[in-house]
């Protein structure tokens, strides 16, 4: 479900505190949880600015609980590349 969230506060040393306007869940996103912000000027009205946070984490609302988990696509992208042999592979034959 896509919900609107309001940025309540930006704490210089911690992150961005957001609140879900439908469920009233509140969470502090650390700065490294946020990949990018994109403005949505078509939705700006009454002095409110709208936009999108592209997150490196995923937020799950489970009843009264809010759970933060890494996004699988982000975890895969950050893994170290596997080493590949540059030598020529030789086929072994049984004797």
Protein backbone atom coordinates (compact mmCIF):
# COMPACT_ATOMS: atom_id res chain seq x y z
CA UNK A 1 0.00 0.00 0.00
CA UNK A 2 1.33 3.42 -0.89
CA UNK A 3 0.95 5.89 1.95
CA UNK A 4 1.95 9.49 2.35
CA UNK A 5 4.53 10.22 5.04
CA UNK A 6 5.34 13.62 6.53
CA UNK A 7 8.88 14.65 7.38
CA UNK A 8 8.57 15.74 11.00
CA UNK A 9 12.16 16.55 11.78
CA UNK A 10 15.70 16.36 10.45
CA UNK A 11 18.23 15.58 13.16
CA UNK A 12 21.70 16.64 12.04
CA UNK A 13 23.58 13.74 13.60
CA UNK A 14 20.91 11.04 13.24
CA UNK A 15 18.57 11.24 10.27
CA UNK A 16 15.05 12.10 9.14
CA UNK A 17 12.00 11.44 11.31
CA UNK A 18 8.91 10.64 9.24
CA UNK A 19 5.28 9.92 10.19
CA UNK A 20 2.72 7.91 8.26
CA UNK A 21 -0.38 10.11 7.97
CA UNK A 22 -2.76 7.13 7.67
CA UNK A 23 -1.47 4.92 10.50
CA UNK A 24 0.45 7.44 12.62
CA UNK A 25 3.57 5.21 12.66
CA UNK A 26 6.75 7.22 13.29
CA UNK A 27 10.27 6.16 12.34
CA UNK A 28 13.72 7.71 12.28
CA UNK A 29 15.42 6.95 8.98
CA UNK A 30 19.17 7.20 9.29
CA UNK A 31 20.78 9.21 6.51
CA UNK A 32 22.33 6.07 4.98
CA UNK A 33 18.82 4.56 4.66
CA UNK A 34 17.99 7.24 2.07
CA UNK A 35 19.40 6.74 -1.40
CA UNK A 36 17.84 9.75 -3.12
CA UNK A 37 15.07 12.35 -2.94
CA UNK A 38 13.00 13.42 -5.95
CA UNK A 39 10.56 16.36 -5.79
CA UNK A 40 6.97 15.98 -7.04
CA UNK A 41 6.00 19.57 -7.89
CA UNK A 42 2.62 18.50 -9.36
CA UNK A 43 1.44 17.62 -5.83
CA UNK A 44 2.61 20.79 -4.11
CA UNK A 45 -0.27 22.73 -2.62
CA UNK A 46 -1.14 24.66 0.54
CA UNK A 47 2.55 25.26 1.15
CA UNK A 48 3.30 21.52 1.42
CA UNK A 49 6.12 20.15 -0.69
CA UNK A 50 5.78 16.59 -1.93
CA UNK A 51 8.37 14.18 -3.19
CA UNK A 52 9.75 10.67 -3.07
CA UNK A 53 12.47 9.12 -0.96
CA UNK A 54 14.21 6.27 -2.71
CA UNK A 55 15.21 4.10 0.22
CA UNK A 56 17.97 1.55 0.70
CA UNK A 57 15.66 -0.13 3.20
CA UNK A 58 12.06 -1.27 3.13
CA UNK A 59 9.49 -0.29 5.74
CA UNK A 60 6.93 -2.90 6.81
CA UNK A 61 3.85 -1.99 8.83
CA UNK A 62 2.79 -5.03 10.83
CA UNK A 63 -0.07 -4.00 13.06
CA UNK A 64 1.30 -1.59 15.65
CA UNK A 65 4.88 -2.54 14.74
CA UNK A 66 7.09 -0.89 12.13
CA UNK A 67 9.98 -2.99 10.86
CA UNK A 68 12.95 -1.76 8.80
CA UNK A 69 14.75 -4.31 6.61
CA UNK A 70 17.40 -3.91 3.91
CA UNK A 71 16.03 -3.89 0.37
CA UNK A 72 17.10 -7.13 -1.33
CA UNK A 73 18.04 -5.34 -4.55
CA UNK A 74 20.27 -2.91 -2.63
CA UNK A 75 21.98 -5.70 -0.67
CA UNK A 76 22.78 -7.59 -3.89
CA UNK A 77 24.17 -4.47 -5.53
CA UNK A 78 26.50 -3.77 -2.58
CA UNK A 79 28.01 -7.28 -2.39
CA UNK A 80 31.59 -7.63 -3.49
CA UNK A 81 31.93 -9.04 -7.01
CA UNK A 82 32.92 -12.68 -7.15
CA UNK A 83 36.44 -13.45 -8.32
CA UNK A 84 36.78 -15.18 -11.62
CA UNK A 85 39.79 -17.10 -12.70
CA UNK A 86 41.61 -15.57 -15.64
CA UNK A 87 43.53 -18.77 -16.36
CA UNK A 88 42.51 -21.40 -18.84
CA UNK A 89 40.50 -24.22 -17.37
CA UNK A 90 41.77 -27.72 -18.09
CA UNK A 91 39.59 -30.76 -18.28
CA UNK A 92 40.71 -33.60 -16.02
CA UNK A 93 40.60 -37.08 -17.36
CA UNK A 94 40.19 -40.18 -15.22
CA UNK A 95 42.99 -42.74 -15.36
